[in-house]
Amino acid sequence: MRISIIILTILFMKSFLIAQVAEPAQTTESIDRSVFGLGLAGGTASGFGLSFRHHLPGDVSYQVIGGVIKADNQSLFNVGTELQYDFVRGESTRFFGACALGYFYRGKINNDLDAPIRFGLGIGGEFNKIDPLHLSGELLFTFFNDGTILPLPQISVHYYFF
């Protein structure tokens, strides 16, 4: 009798333990026209400064970044670019893969940086909380031309217009 109660209890509990998980509907909202953005960006792979972003029709975007600072008779400037591919795009969020390339300069006459060329590869997300401003964050594995590889973040804020 005791064994039959244990077996019935196990069979009864088994029906509750089986999880019924349904995959949420993930629709990628593709854009059918070009969208442009101006803003500020900062990162060790693609650079820091003013940024221009262009979402092409479909799932691909590119970004161009450049900045100049002059202090203590030294110049610090960089120029970079980034290519992004959307994995998932919603109304207010976007998840993408990114690759970036940047050139950095610091010095008076010659470049004092040991690794001025950087290449990054990783993932990122974009969030739209205050329309039309979009905040992006990325985590890129950044390859320096001296052989160093580091996972480093990048951030940007863009104002989008059509």
N, C-alpha and C. Protein backbone atom coordinates (compact mmCIF):
# COMPACT_ATOMS: atom_id res chain seq x y z
N MET A 1 0.81 -1.18 0.00
CA MET A 1 0.00 0.00 0.00
C MET A 1 0.86 1.26 0.00
N ARG A 2 1.89 1.22 0.81
CA ARG A 2 2.77 2.38 0.92
C ARG A 2 3.51 2.62 -0.40
N ILE A 3 3.91 1.57 -1.07
CA ILE A 3 4.61 1.70 -2.35
C ILE A 3 3.67 2.25 -3.42
N SER A 4 2.43 1.81 -3.42
CA SER A 4 1.48 2.31 -4.43
C SER A 4 1.20 3.80 -4.23
N ILE A 5 1.17 4.27 -2.98
CA ILE A 5 0.97 5.70 -2.73
C ILE A 5 2.18 6.50 -3.22
N ILE A 6 3.38 5.98 -3.01
CA ILE A 6 4.60 6.65 -3.47
C ILE A 6 4.63 6.69 -4.99
N ILE A 7 4.27 5.61 -5.64
CA ILE A 7 4.27 5.56 -7.11
C ILE A 7 3.22 6.51 -7.67
N LEU A 8 2.02 6.55 -7.09
CA LEU A 8 0.99 7.47 -7.54
C LEU A 8 1.40 8.93 -7.33
N THR A 9 2.07 9.20 -6.21
CA THR A 9 2.55 10.55 -5.94
C THR A 9 3.60 10.96 -6.96
N ILE A 10 4.52 10.06 -7.27
CA ILE A 10 5.57 10.37 -8.26
C ILE A 10 4.95 10.60 -9.63
N LEU A 11 4.00 9.76 -10.03
CA LEU A 11 3.35 9.95 -11.33
C LEU A 11 2.54 11.25 -11.37
N PHE A 12 1.89 11.58 -10.28
CA PHE A 12 1.12 12.81 -10.22
C PHE A 12 2.04 14.03 -10.29
N MET A 13 3.16 14.00 -9.57
CA MET A 13 4.12 15.11 -9.56
C MET A 13 4.85 15.22 -10.90
N LYS A 14 5.03 14.10 -11.58
CA LYS A 14 5.73 14.12 -12.86
C LYS A 14 4.99 14.98 -13.87
N SER A 15 3.67 14.96 -13.84
CA SER A 15 2.91 15.77 -14.78
C SER A 15 3.12 17.26 -14.54
N PHE A 16 3.41 17.65 -13.29
CA PHE A 16 3.69 19.05 -13.00
C PHE A 16 5.13 19.43 -13.31
N LEU A 17 6.03 18.46 -13.30
CA LEU A 17 7.45 18.74 -13.50
C LEU A 17 7.82 18.87 -14.97
N ILE A 18 7.00 18.38 -15.85
CA ILE A 18 7.30 18.50 -17.28
C ILE A 18 7.01 19.93 -17.71
N ALA A 19 8.04 20.59 -18.14
CA ALA A 19 7.89 22.00 -18.52
C ALA A 19 7.41 22.09 -19.96
N GLN A 20 6.47 22.96 -20.14
CA GLN A 20 6.00 23.25 -21.48
C GLN A 20 6.50 24.63 -21.85
N VAL A 21 7.60 24.65 -22.57
CA VAL A 21 8.23 25.91 -22.92
C VAL A 21 7.95 26.19 -24.39
N ALA A 22 7.37 27.31 -24.64
CA ALA A 22 7.13 27.74 -26.01
C ALA A 22 8.12 28.84 -26.35
N GLU A 23 8.73 28.72 -27.48
CA GLU A 23 9.68 29.75 -27.91
C GLU A 23 8.92 31.02 -28.25
N PRO A 24 9.37 32.15 -27.71
CA PRO A 24 8.67 33.39 -28.03
C PRO A 24 8.86 33.75 -29.50
N ALA A 25 7.88 34.39 -30.04
CA ALA A 25 7.95 34.81 -31.44
C ALA A 25 8.99 35.91 -31.58
N GLN A 26 10.01 35.64 -32.35
CA GLN A 26 11.06 36.62 -32.58
C GLN A 26 10.99 37.06 -34.02
N THR A 27 10.44 38.21 -34.21
CA THR A 27 10.34 38.73 -35.56
C THR A 27 11.37 39.82 -35.74
N THR A 28 12.08 39.75 -36.83
CA THR A 28 13.04 40.78 -37.15
C THR A 28 12.36 41.79 -38.03
N GLU A 29 12.26 42.99 -37.53
CA GLU A 29 11.64 44.06 -38.30
C GLU A 29 12.70 44.66 -39.22
N SER A 30 12.63 44.34 -40.46
CA SER A 30 13.58 44.87 -41.42
C SER A 30 13.12 46.24 -41.87
N ILE A 31 14.08 47.13 -42.06
CA ILE A 31 13.72 48.47 -42.53
C ILE A 31 13.85 48.51 -44.04
N ASP A 32 12.93 49.21 -44.67
CA ASP A 32 12.90 49.24 -46.13
C ASP A 32 13.41 50.55 -46.70
N ARG A 33 13.97 51.42 -45.85
CA ARG A 33 14.54 52.68 -46.34
C ARG A 33 15.77 53.00 -45.49
N SER A 34 16.58 53.90 -45.95
CA SER A 34 17.78 54.29 -45.21
C SER A 34 17.42 55.16 -44.01
N VAL A 35 18.12 54.93 -42.90
CA VAL A 35 17.97 55.72 -41.69
C VAL A 35 19.37 56.23 -41.32
N PHE A 36 19.47 57.51 -41.00
CA PHE A 36 20.76 58.13 -40.68
C PHE A 36 20.78 58.56 -39.22
N GLY A 37 21.98 58.56 -38.64
CA GLY A 37 22.12 59.00 -37.26
C GLY A 37 23.40 59.79 -37.06
N LEU A 38 23.32 60.84 -36.23
CA LEU A 38 24.49 61.62 -35.82
C LEU A 38 24.58 61.54 -34.30
N GLY A 39 25.82 61.45 -33.80
CA GLY A 39 25.96 61.36 -32.36
C GLY A 39 27.39 61.33 -31.90
N LEU A 40 27.56 60.78 -30.70
CA LEU A 40 28.87 60.65 -30.08
C LEU A 40 29.13 59.18 -29.81
N ALA A 41 30.38 58.77 -29.99
CA ALA A 41 30.75 57.38 -29.76
C ALA A 41 32.09 57.34 -29.04
N GLY A 42 32.30 56.28 -28.29
CA GLY A 42 33.56 56.10 -27.60
C GLY A 42 33.90 54.63 -27.44
N GLY A 43 35.10 54.27 -27.88
CA GLY A 43 35.55 52.89 -27.76
C GLY A 43 36.99 52.75 -28.19
N THR A 44 37.64 51.69 -27.74
CA THR A 44 39.05 51.51 -28.07
C THR A 44 39.27 50.85 -29.42
N ALA A 45 38.25 50.29 -30.02
CA ALA A 45 38.42 49.66 -31.33
C ALA A 45 38.14 50.63 -32.46
N SER A 46 36.99 51.29 -32.43
CA SER A 46 36.61 52.17 -33.54
C SER A 46 36.90 53.64 -33.28
N GLY A 47 37.21 54.01 -32.03
CA GLY A 47 37.59 55.39 -31.74
C GLY A 47 36.56 56.13 -30.92
N PHE A 48 36.84 57.41 -30.71
CA PHE A 48 35.97 58.28 -29.92
C PHE A 48 35.74 59.57 -30.67
N GLY A 49 34.61 60.21 -30.42
CA GLY A 49 34.33 61.50 -31.04
C GLY A 49 32.98 61.52 -31.71
N LEU A 50 32.88 62.38 -32.73
CA LEU A 50 31.64 62.49 -33.49
C LEU A 50 31.43 61.25 -34.34
N SER A 51 30.16 60.88 -34.50
CA SER A 51 29.85 59.64 -35.19
C SER A 51 28.71 59.85 -36.17
N PHE A 52 28.81 59.18 -37.31
CA PHE A 52 27.74 59.15 -38.31
C PHE A 52 27.39 57.68 -38.52
N ARG A 53 26.11 57.35 -38.39
CA ARG A 53 25.65 55.97 -38.60
C ARG A 53 24.62 55.95 -39.72
N HIS A 54 24.70 54.94 -40.56
CA HIS A 54 23.78 54.78 -41.69
C HIS A 54 23.25 53.35 -41.66
N HIS A 55 21.94 53.21 -41.42
CA HIS A 55 21.26 51.92 -41.52
C HIS A 55 20.81 51.77 -42.96
N LEU A 56 21.37 50.83 -43.65
CA LEU A 56 20.96 50.55 -45.01
C LEU A 56 19.65 49.78 -45.00
N PRO A 57 18.88 49.80 -46.09
CA PRO A 57 17.68 48.97 -46.13
C PRO A 57 18.05 47.51 -45.91
N GLY A 58 17.44 46.87 -44.97
CA GLY A 58 17.77 45.49 -44.62
C GLY A 58 18.39 45.41 -43.23
N ASP A 59 19.40 44.57 -43.07
CA ASP A 59 19.97 44.27 -41.76
C ASP A 59 21.38 44.81 -41.54
N VAL A 60 21.91 45.60 -42.43
CA VAL A 60 23.31 46.04 -42.34
C VAL A 60 23.38 47.54 -42.05
N SER A 61 24.32 47.91 -41.19
CA SER A 61 24.59 49.31 -40.85
C SER A 61 26.09 49.54 -40.87
N TYR A 62 26.49 50.79 -41.09
CA TYR A 62 27.89 51.13 -40.91
C TYR A 62 27.97 52.44 -40.13
N GLN A 63 29.11 52.66 -39.53
CA GLN A 63 29.31 53.83 -38.69
C GLN A 63 30.73 54.35 -38.92
N VAL A 64 30.87 55.67 -38.98
CA VAL A 64 32.18 56.32 -39.14
C VAL A 64 32.38 57.24 -37.94
N ILE A 65 33.55 57.14 -37.30
CA ILE A 65 33.83 57.89 -36.08
C ILE A 65 35.14 58.64 -36.24
N GLY A 66 35.20 59.85 -35.71
CA GLY A 66 36.45 60.61 -35.72
C GLY A 66 36.49 61.62 -34.60
N GLY A 67 37.67 61.83 -34.05
CA GLY A 67 37.81 62.79 -32.97
C GLY A 67 39.22 63.34 -32.89
N VAL A 68 39.35 64.59 -32.41
CA VAL A 68 40.64 65.26 -32.26
C VAL A 68 40.67 65.97 -30.92
N ILE A 69 41.77 65.81 -30.19
CA ILE A 69 42.02 66.55 -28.95
C ILE A 69 43.45 67.06 -29.01
N LYS A 70 43.64 68.34 -28.66
CA LYS A 70 44.99 68.91 -28.61
C LYS A 70 45.19 69.46 -27.21
N ALA A 71 46.21 68.93 -26.51
CA ALA A 71 46.51 69.37 -25.14
C ALA A 71 48.01 69.21 -24.90
N ASP A 72 48.59 70.18 -24.20
CA ASP A 72 50.02 70.15 -23.85
C ASP A 72 50.92 69.97 -25.07
N ASN A 73 50.62 70.67 -26.13
CA ASN A 73 51.39 70.59 -27.38
C ASN A 73 51.44 69.18 -27.97
N GLN A 74 50.52 68.34 -27.60
CA GLN A 74 50.41 67.02 -28.19
C GLN A 74 49.05 66.90 -28.85
N SER A 75 49.03 66.19 -29.94
CA SER A 75 47.77 65.93 -30.64
C SER A 75 47.34 64.50 -30.37
N LEU A 76 46.07 64.32 -30.19
CA LEU A 76 45.50 63.00 -30.05
C LEU A 76 44.30 62.95 -30.98
N PHE A 77 44.36 62.08 -31.98
CA PHE A 77 43.22 61.96 -32.88
C PHE A 77 43.05 60.51 -33.27
N ASN A 78 41.87 60.21 -33.76
CA ASN A 78 41.58 58.87 -34.24
C ASN A 78 40.51 58.94 -35.31
N VAL A 79 40.49 57.92 -36.11
CA VAL A 79 39.46 57.75 -37.12
C VAL A 79 39.16 56.26 -37.18
N GLY A 80 37.86 55.93 -37.27
CA GLY A 80 37.50 54.53 -37.28
C GLY A 80 36.19 54.29 -38.00
N THR A 81 35.93 53.04 -38.24
CA THR A 81 34.69 52.64 -38.89
C THR A 81 34.20 51.35 -38.25
N GLU A 82 32.92 51.11 -38.40
CA GLU A 82 32.32 49.92 -37.80
C GLU A 82 31.23 49.41 -38.73
N LEU A 83 31.13 48.10 -38.86
CA LEU A 83 30.10 47.44 -39.65
C LEU A 83 29.25 46.61 -38.70
N GLN A 84 27.92 46.73 -38.81
CA GLN A 84 27.01 46.03 -37.91
C GLN A 84 26.00 45.23 -38.72
N TYR A 85 25.71 44.02 -38.22
CA TYR A 85 24.69 43.17 -38.84
C TYR A 85 23.64 42.82 -37.78
N ASP A 86 22.38 43.14 -38.06
CA ASP A 86 21.30 42.92 -37.10
C ASP A 86 20.91 41.45 -37.05
N PHE A 87 20.96 40.88 -35.82
CA PHE A 87 20.45 39.53 -35.60
C PHE A 87 18.96 39.59 -35.30
N VAL A 88 18.57 40.49 -34.40
CA VAL A 88 17.18 40.67 -34.02
C VAL A 88 16.91 42.17 -33.92
N ARG A 89 15.81 42.61 -34.52
CA ARG A 89 15.43 44.02 -34.46
C ARG A 89 13.97 44.10 -34.06
N GLY A 90 13.72 44.87 -33.00
CA GLY A 90 12.36 45.12 -32.55
C GLY A 90 12.03 46.59 -32.73
N GLU A 91 10.92 47.01 -32.14
CA GLU A 91 10.52 48.41 -32.26
C GLU A 91 11.45 49.34 -31.50
N SER A 92 11.93 48.90 -30.34
CA SER A 92 12.77 49.78 -29.52
C SER A 92 14.12 49.19 -29.18
N THR A 93 14.42 47.99 -29.63
CA THR A 93 15.71 47.37 -29.35
C THR A 93 16.26 46.71 -30.60
N ARG A 94 17.55 46.46 -30.54
CA ARG A 94 18.25 45.82 -31.65
C ARG A 94 19.43 45.07 -31.08
N PHE A 95 19.67 43.84 -31.52
CA PHE A 95 20.81 43.03 -31.13
C PHE A 95 21.61 42.74 -32.39
N PHE A 96 22.91 43.03 -32.37
CA PHE A 96 23.69 42.94 -33.60
C PHE A 96 25.09 42.41 -33.34
N GLY A 97 25.70 41.95 -34.41
CA GLY A 97 27.12 41.62 -34.42
C GLY A 97 27.87 42.78 -35.04
N ALA A 98 29.09 43.02 -34.57
CA ALA A 98 29.83 44.19 -35.04
C ALA A 98 31.30 43.85 -35.27
N CYS A 99 31.88 44.51 -36.25
CA CYS A 99 33.33 44.49 -36.43
C CYS A 99 33.77 45.94 -36.65
N ALA A 100 34.91 46.29 -36.07
CA ALA A 100 35.37 47.68 -36.09
C ALA A 100 36.85 47.73 -36.44
N LEU A 101 37.25 48.86 -37.00
CA LEU A 101 38.65 49.10 -37.34
C LEU A 101 38.95 50.56 -37.03
N GLY A 102 40.07 50.82 -36.36
CA GLY A 102 40.40 52.18 -35.99
C GLY A 102 41.90 52.45 -36.04
N TYR A 103 42.24 53.71 -36.28
CA TYR A 103 43.63 54.17 -36.25
C TYR A 103 43.71 55.30 -35.23
N PHE A 104 44.68 55.22 -34.33
CA PHE A 104 44.86 56.19 -33.24
C PHE A 104 46.24 56.84 -33.36
N TYR A 105 46.32 58.13 -33.03
CA TYR A 105 47.58 58.87 -33.08
C TYR A 105 47.72 59.71 -31.81
N ARG A 106 48.92 59.69 -31.22
CA ARG A 106 49.24 60.56 -30.09
C ARG A 106 50.70 60.97 -30.21
N GLY A 107 50.95 62.28 -30.17
CA GLY A 107 52.31 62.76 -30.23
C GLY A 107 52.40 64.17 -30.77
N LYS A 108 53.65 64.66 -30.86
CA LYS A 108 53.90 65.98 -31.42
C LYS A 108 54.21 65.87 -32.91
N ILE A 109 55.20 65.05 -33.24
CA ILE A 109 55.59 64.87 -34.64
C ILE A 109 55.37 63.43 -35.08
N ASN A 110 55.80 62.49 -34.24
CA ASN A 110 55.65 61.06 -34.54
C ASN A 110 54.61 60.44 -33.62
N ASN A 111 54.05 59.34 -34.07
CA ASN A 111 53.06 58.63 -33.26
C ASN A 111 53.77 57.91 -32.12
N ASP A 112 53.40 58.24 -30.87
CA ASP A 112 54.01 57.65 -29.69
C ASP A 112 53.32 56.36 -29.24
N LEU A 113 52.24 55.97 -29.88
CA LEU A 113 51.52 54.76 -29.49
C LEU A 113 52.22 53.52 -30.03
N ASP A 114 52.31 52.49 -29.20
CA ASP A 114 52.91 51.23 -29.63
C ASP A 114 51.99 50.44 -30.55
N ALA A 115 50.68 50.59 -30.36
CA ALA A 115 49.70 49.85 -31.15
C ALA A 115 48.62 50.80 -31.67
N PRO A 116 48.91 51.55 -32.73
CA PRO A 116 47.93 52.53 -33.21
C PRO A 116 46.76 51.95 -34.00
N ILE A 117 46.91 50.74 -34.51
CA ILE A 117 45.85 50.13 -35.32
C ILE A 117 45.12 49.09 -34.47
N ARG A 118 43.78 49.18 -34.44
CA ARG A 118 42.97 48.27 -33.64
C ARG A 118 41.84 47.70 -34.48
N PHE A 119 41.54 46.44 -34.22
CA PHE A 119 40.45 45.74 -34.88
C PHE A 119 39.59 45.08 -33.81
N GLY A 120 38.27 45.24 -33.90
CA GLY A 120 37.38 44.65 -32.91
C GLY A 120 36.31 43.78 -33.55
N LEU A 121 35.89 42.75 -32.82
CA LEU A 121 34.87 41.83 -33.29
C LEU A 121 34.04 41.40 -32.08
N GLY A 122 32.71 41.53 -32.17
CA GLY A 122 31.87 41.15 -31.03
C GLY A 122 30.40 41.40 -31.27
N ILE A 123 29.69 41.64 -30.16
CA ILE A 123 28.24 41.80 -30.20
C ILE A 123 27.85 43.13 -29.55
N GLY A 124 26.63 43.56 -29.83
CA GLY A 124 26.14 44.80 -29.24
C GLY A 124 24.63 44.87 -29.22
N GLY A 125 24.15 45.87 -28.53
CA GLY A 125 22.72 46.11 -28.44
C GLY A 125 22.41 47.59 -28.51
N GLU A 126 21.26 47.91 -29.04
CA GLU A 126 20.83 49.31 -29.14
C GLU A 126 19.45 49.42 -28.53
N PHE A 127 19.25 50.49 -27.74
CA PHE A 127 18.01 50.69 -27.02
C PHE A 127 17.48 52.08 -27.30
N ASN A 128 16.18 52.17 -27.49
CA ASN A 128 15.52 53.45 -27.74
C ASN A 128 14.58 53.72 -26.58
N LYS A 129 15.03 54.49 -25.60
CA LYS A 129 14.19 54.82 -24.45
C LYS A 129 13.60 56.23 -24.57
N ILE A 130 14.32 57.15 -25.17
CA ILE A 130 13.85 58.52 -25.36
C ILE A 130 13.91 58.80 -26.85
N ASP A 131 12.78 58.74 -27.51
CA ASP A 131 12.75 58.93 -28.96
C ASP A 131 13.15 60.36 -29.32
N PRO A 132 14.00 60.62 -30.25
CA PRO A 132 14.67 59.80 -31.23
C PRO A 132 16.12 59.44 -30.86
N LEU A 133 16.49 59.55 -29.56
CA LEU A 133 17.84 59.19 -29.13
C LEU A 133 17.95 57.68 -28.91
N HIS A 134 19.03 57.11 -29.41
CA HIS A 134 19.29 55.68 -29.27
C HIS A 134 20.63 55.50 -28.57
N LEU A 135 20.66 54.63 -27.57
CA LEU A 135 21.86 54.32 -26.82
C LEU A 135 22.35 52.93 -27.21
N SER A 136 23.63 52.83 -27.57
CA SER A 136 24.21 51.55 -27.98
C SER A 136 25.34 51.17 -27.05
N GLY A 137 25.44 49.89 -26.80
CA GLY A 137 26.55 49.33 -26.04
C GLY A 137 27.07 48.10 -26.74
N GLU A 138 28.38 47.93 -26.74
CA GLU A 138 28.99 46.80 -27.43
C GLU A 138 30.08 46.21 -26.56
N LEU A 139 30.36 44.94 -26.76
CA LEU A 139 31.51 44.27 -26.17
C LEU A 139 32.28 43.63 -27.31
N LEU A 140 33.43 44.20 -27.61
CA LEU A 140 34.24 43.74 -28.75
C LEU A 140 35.55 43.16 -28.24
N PHE A 141 35.93 42.03 -28.80
CA PHE A 141 37.29 41.53 -28.60
C PHE A 141 38.18 42.38 -29.47
N THR A 142 39.02 43.19 -28.85
CA THR A 142 39.82 44.18 -29.56
C THR A 142 41.24 43.65 -29.75
N PHE A 143 41.68 43.60 -31.00
CA PHE A 143 43.01 43.13 -31.38
C PHE A 143 43.88 44.35 -31.66
N PHE A 144 44.93 44.54 -30.87
CA PHE A 144 45.89 45.62 -31.09
C PHE A 144 47.00 45.09 -31.99
N ASN A 145 47.60 45.97 -32.80
CA ASN A 145 48.61 45.47 -33.74
C ASN A 145 49.92 45.08 -33.07
N ASP A 146 50.05 45.20 -31.75
CA ASP A 146 51.23 44.66 -31.06
C ASP A 146 50.98 43.26 -30.52
N GLY A 147 49.81 42.67 -30.82
CA GLY A 147 49.50 41.31 -30.42
C GLY A 147 48.57 41.18 -29.23
N THR A 148 48.22 42.27 -28.58
CA THR A 148 47.33 42.24 -27.42
C THR A 148 45.89 42.04 -27.87
N ILE A 149 45.15 41.21 -27.14
CA ILE A 149 43.73 40.97 -27.40
C ILE A 149 43.00 41.17 -26.08
N LEU A 150 42.04 42.10 -26.05
CA LEU A 150 41.27 42.39 -24.84
C LEU A 150 39.79 42.54 -25.16
N PRO A 151 38.90 42.02 -24.30
CA PRO A 151 37.46 42.29 -24.47
C PRO A 151 37.14 43.65 -23.87
N LEU A 152 36.81 44.62 -24.71
CA LEU A 152 36.61 46.00 -24.25
C LEU A 152 35.25 46.53 -24.71
N PRO A 153 34.63 47.38 -23.89
CA PRO A 153 33.31 47.92 -24.24
C PRO A 153 33.42 49.16 -25.15
N GLN A 154 32.32 49.43 -25.81
CA GLN A 154 32.15 50.66 -26.60
C GLN A 154 30.73 51.16 -26.34
N ILE A 155 30.54 52.48 -26.34
CA ILE A 155 29.22 53.05 -26.15
C ILE A 155 29.01 54.16 -27.19
N SER A 156 27.76 54.43 -27.46
CA SER A 156 27.44 55.55 -28.37
C SER A 156 26.01 56.00 -28.14
N VAL A 157 25.76 57.24 -28.48
CA VAL A 157 24.43 57.84 -28.45
C VAL A 157 24.22 58.51 -29.79
N HIS A 158 23.10 58.18 -30.44
CA HIS A 158 22.81 58.74 -31.77
C HIS A 158 21.40 59.33 -31.82
N TYR A 159 21.30 60.37 -32.60
CA TYR A 159 20.01 61.00 -32.94
C TYR A 159 19.68 60.53 -34.35
N TYR A 160 18.56 59.80 -34.52
CA TYR A 160 18.19 59.25 -35.82
C TYR A 160 17.23 60.18 -36.56
N PHE A 161 17.43 60.22 -37.85
CA PHE A 161 16.53 60.94 -38.74
C PHE A 161 16.46 60.19 -40.06
N PHE A 162 15.44 60.48 -40.86
CA PHE A 162 15.23 59.78 -42.12
C PHE A 162 15.66 60.62 -43.29
